[in-house]
Amino acid sequence: MVINARESVVTALRTRFGVTPTEVSERLEAIDDLDVLRKLLEQSITIASIEEFQLRLNEIPPSEEASE
């Protein structure tokens, strides 16, 4: 489930912006919380730019990246 959620975010970003920066992919790989990934998927669909997405991604506290 988590892997599919990550892939969905990457696919949405690539479809909307033509690219998924390496930093974004690496940061997504560190996130194991399915709820956080779902929120990021929603944002990847509605956000105005890849730069804005990166800013939102960087706002996620480390505890949410590795929650199990």
N, C-alpha and C. Protein backbone atom coordinates (compact mmCIF):
# COMPACT_ATOMS: atom_id res chain seq x y z
N MET A 1 0.82 -1.21 0.00
CA MET A 1 0.00 0.00 0.00
C MET A 1 0.85 1.26 0.00
N VAL A 2 1.85 1.31 0.87
CA VAL A 2 2.69 2.50 0.98
C VAL A 2 3.47 2.72 -0.32
N ILE A 3 4.00 1.66 -0.88
CA ILE A 3 4.75 1.78 -2.14
C ILE A 3 3.85 2.31 -3.24
N ASN A 4 2.64 1.78 -3.33
CA ASN A 4 1.68 2.26 -4.34
C ASN A 4 1.34 3.72 -4.14
N ALA A 5 1.20 4.13 -2.88
CA ALA A 5 0.88 5.53 -2.59
C ALA A 5 2.02 6.44 -3.02
N ARG A 6 3.25 6.04 -2.74
CA ARG A 6 4.42 6.82 -3.18
C ARG A 6 4.45 6.93 -4.70
N GLU A 7 4.24 5.81 -5.36
CA GLU A 7 4.26 5.79 -6.83
C GLU A 7 3.16 6.68 -7.41
N SER A 8 2.03 6.71 -6.76
CA SER A 8 0.93 7.56 -7.22
C SER A 8 1.30 9.03 -7.14
N VAL A 9 1.96 9.43 -6.06
CA VAL A 9 2.39 10.82 -5.91
C VAL A 9 3.38 11.18 -7.01
N VAL A 10 4.36 10.30 -7.23
CA VAL A 10 5.38 10.54 -8.26
C VAL A 10 4.74 10.63 -9.64
N THR A 11 3.80 9.74 -9.93
CA THR A 11 3.12 9.75 -11.22
C THR A 11 2.33 11.03 -11.42
N ALA A 12 1.61 11.46 -10.39
CA ALA A 12 0.84 12.70 -10.48
C ALA A 12 1.75 13.89 -10.73
N LEU A 13 2.87 13.96 -10.01
CA LEU A 13 3.81 15.07 -10.20
C LEU A 13 4.41 15.05 -11.60
N ARG A 14 4.80 13.87 -12.06
CA ARG A 14 5.40 13.75 -13.38
C ARG A 14 4.38 14.13 -14.47
N THR A 15 3.14 13.73 -14.28
CA THR A 15 2.10 14.04 -15.26
C THR A 15 1.82 15.54 -15.30
N ARG A 16 1.75 16.17 -14.14
CA ARG A 16 1.43 17.60 -14.08
C ARG A 16 2.58 18.50 -14.47
N PHE A 17 3.79 18.14 -14.01
CA PHE A 17 4.91 19.06 -14.16
C PHE A 17 6.03 18.55 -15.08
N GLY A 18 5.88 17.32 -15.57
CA GLY A 18 6.85 16.77 -16.50
C GLY A 18 8.09 16.19 -15.87
N VAL A 19 8.22 16.34 -14.57
CA VAL A 19 9.42 15.87 -13.88
C VAL A 19 9.11 15.70 -12.40
N THR A 20 9.86 14.79 -11.78
CA THR A 20 9.85 14.67 -10.33
C THR A 20 11.30 14.78 -9.89
N PRO A 21 11.65 15.89 -9.26
CA PRO A 21 13.05 16.07 -8.84
C PRO A 21 13.53 14.94 -7.93
N THR A 22 14.80 14.63 -8.04
CA THR A 22 15.39 13.56 -7.23
C THR A 22 15.16 13.81 -5.74
N GLU A 23 15.28 15.06 -5.31
CA GLU A 23 15.08 15.39 -3.89
C GLU A 23 13.67 15.01 -3.43
N VAL A 24 12.70 15.23 -4.30
CA VAL A 24 11.31 14.90 -3.97
C VAL A 24 11.15 13.38 -3.88
N SER A 25 11.67 12.67 -4.84
CA SER A 25 11.57 11.21 -4.82
C SER A 25 12.23 10.63 -3.58
N GLU A 26 13.40 11.14 -3.23
CA GLU A 26 14.10 10.63 -2.04
C GLU A 26 13.33 10.94 -0.78
N ARG A 27 12.75 12.12 -0.70
CA ARG A 27 11.96 12.50 0.49
C ARG A 27 10.72 11.62 0.60
N LEU A 28 10.07 11.36 -0.54
CA LEU A 28 8.89 10.49 -0.52
C LEU A 28 9.25 9.08 -0.06
N GLU A 29 10.41 8.59 -0.46
CA GLU A 29 10.84 7.25 -0.05
C GLU A 29 10.98 7.13 1.46
N ALA A 30 11.22 8.24 2.14
CA ALA A 30 11.38 8.22 3.59
C ALA A 30 10.06 8.25 4.35
N ILE A 31 8.96 8.46 3.64
CA ILE A 31 7.65 8.57 4.29
C ILE A 31 6.95 7.23 4.25
N ASP A 32 6.60 6.75 5.44
CA ASP A 32 5.93 5.45 5.58
C ASP A 32 4.48 5.58 6.06
N ASP A 33 4.05 6.80 6.31
CA ASP A 33 2.70 7.02 6.82
C ASP A 33 1.73 7.16 5.65
N LEU A 34 0.81 6.23 5.54
CA LEU A 34 -0.12 6.21 4.42
C LEU A 34 -1.01 7.45 4.38
N ASP A 35 -1.43 7.94 5.54
CA ASP A 35 -2.27 9.15 5.57
C ASP A 35 -1.51 10.36 5.04
N VAL A 36 -0.25 10.48 5.39
CA VAL A 36 0.58 11.58 4.90
C VAL A 36 0.73 11.48 3.39
N LEU A 37 0.97 10.27 2.89
CA LEU A 37 1.12 10.06 1.45
C LEU A 37 -0.18 10.38 0.71
N ARG A 38 -1.31 10.05 1.31
CA ARG A 38 -2.61 10.38 0.69
C ARG A 38 -2.79 11.89 0.59
N LYS A 39 -2.42 12.60 1.64
CA LYS A 39 -2.52 14.06 1.61
C LYS A 39 -1.59 14.64 0.55
N LEU A 40 -0.40 14.07 0.46
CA LEU A 40 0.55 14.54 -0.56
C LEU A 40 0.04 14.26 -1.96
N LEU A 41 -0.65 13.16 -2.15
CA LEU A 41 -1.24 12.86 -3.46
C LEU A 41 -2.27 13.93 -3.82
N GLU A 42 -3.13 14.26 -2.87
CA GLU A 42 -4.13 15.30 -3.12
C GLU A 42 -3.45 16.62 -3.49
N GLN A 43 -2.39 16.95 -2.74
CA GLN A 43 -1.66 18.20 -3.02
C GLN A 43 -0.98 18.15 -4.38
N SER A 44 -0.45 16.99 -4.75
CA SER A 44 0.24 16.89 -6.03
C SER A 44 -0.71 17.14 -7.20
N ILE A 45 -1.99 16.91 -6.98
CA ILE A 45 -3.00 17.11 -8.03
C ILE A 45 -3.46 18.57 -8.08
N THR A 46 -3.46 19.24 -6.93
CA THR A 46 -4.04 20.58 -6.87
C THR A 46 -3.03 21.71 -6.75
N ILE A 47 -1.81 21.42 -6.41
CA ILE A 47 -0.80 22.45 -6.15
C ILE A 47 -0.39 23.16 -7.43
N ALA A 48 0.03 24.40 -7.30
CA ALA A 48 0.32 25.23 -8.48
C ALA A 48 1.66 24.92 -9.14
N SER A 49 2.65 24.47 -8.38
CA SER A 49 3.97 24.25 -8.97
C SER A 49 4.72 23.16 -8.22
N ILE A 50 5.72 22.60 -8.88
CA ILE A 50 6.56 21.58 -8.24
C ILE A 50 7.35 22.20 -7.09
N GLU A 51 7.71 23.47 -7.22
CA GLU A 51 8.44 24.16 -6.15
C GLU A 51 7.58 24.29 -4.90
N GLU A 52 6.31 24.61 -5.11
CA GLU A 52 5.39 24.71 -3.97
C GLU A 52 5.20 23.34 -3.31
N PHE A 53 5.15 22.29 -4.12
CA PHE A 53 5.03 20.95 -3.58
C PHE A 53 6.25 20.63 -2.72
N GLN A 54 7.44 20.97 -3.20
CA GLN A 54 8.66 20.72 -2.44
C GLN A 54 8.62 21.46 -1.10
N LEU A 55 8.13 22.68 -1.09
CA LEU A 55 8.02 23.43 0.16
C LEU A 55 7.09 22.71 1.13
N ARG A 56 5.95 22.25 0.65
CA ARG A 56 5.00 21.52 1.50
C ARG A 56 5.63 20.23 2.02
N LEU A 57 6.35 19.55 1.15
CA LEU A 57 6.99 18.29 1.51
C LEU A 57 8.02 18.53 2.61
N ASN A 58 8.74 19.63 2.52
CA ASN A 58 9.76 19.94 3.52
C ASN A 58 9.17 20.36 4.86
N GLU A 59 7.88 20.67 4.90
CA GLU A 59 7.21 21.04 6.14
C GLU A 59 6.79 19.83 6.97
N ILE A 60 6.86 18.64 6.39
CA ILE A 60 6.43 17.44 7.11
C ILE A 60 7.47 17.10 8.18
N PRO A 61 7.04 17.01 9.43
CA PRO A 61 7.98 16.68 10.51
C PRO A 61 8.56 15.29 10.33
N PRO A 62 9.82 15.09 10.74
CA PRO A 62 10.46 13.77 10.60
C PRO A 62 9.66 12.64 11.26
N SER A 63 8.93 12.91 12.34
CA SER A 63 8.16 11.86 13.01
C SER A 63 7.10 11.28 12.10
N GLU A 64 6.58 12.07 11.19
CA GLU A 64 5.56 11.59 10.26
C GLU A 64 6.17 10.80 9.11
N GLU A 65 7.46 10.99 8.89
CA GLU A 65 8.13 10.26 7.82
C GLU A 65 8.29 8.79 8.18
N ALA A 66 8.58 8.51 9.44
CA ALA A 66 8.92 7.16 9.83
C ALA A 66 7.92 6.52 10.78
N SER A 67 6.71 7.05 10.84
CA SER A 67 5.74 6.44 11.75
C SER A 67 5.28 5.09 11.22
N GLU A 68 5.08 4.18 12.15
CA GLU A 68 4.68 2.82 11.74
C GLU A 68 3.43 2.40 12.47
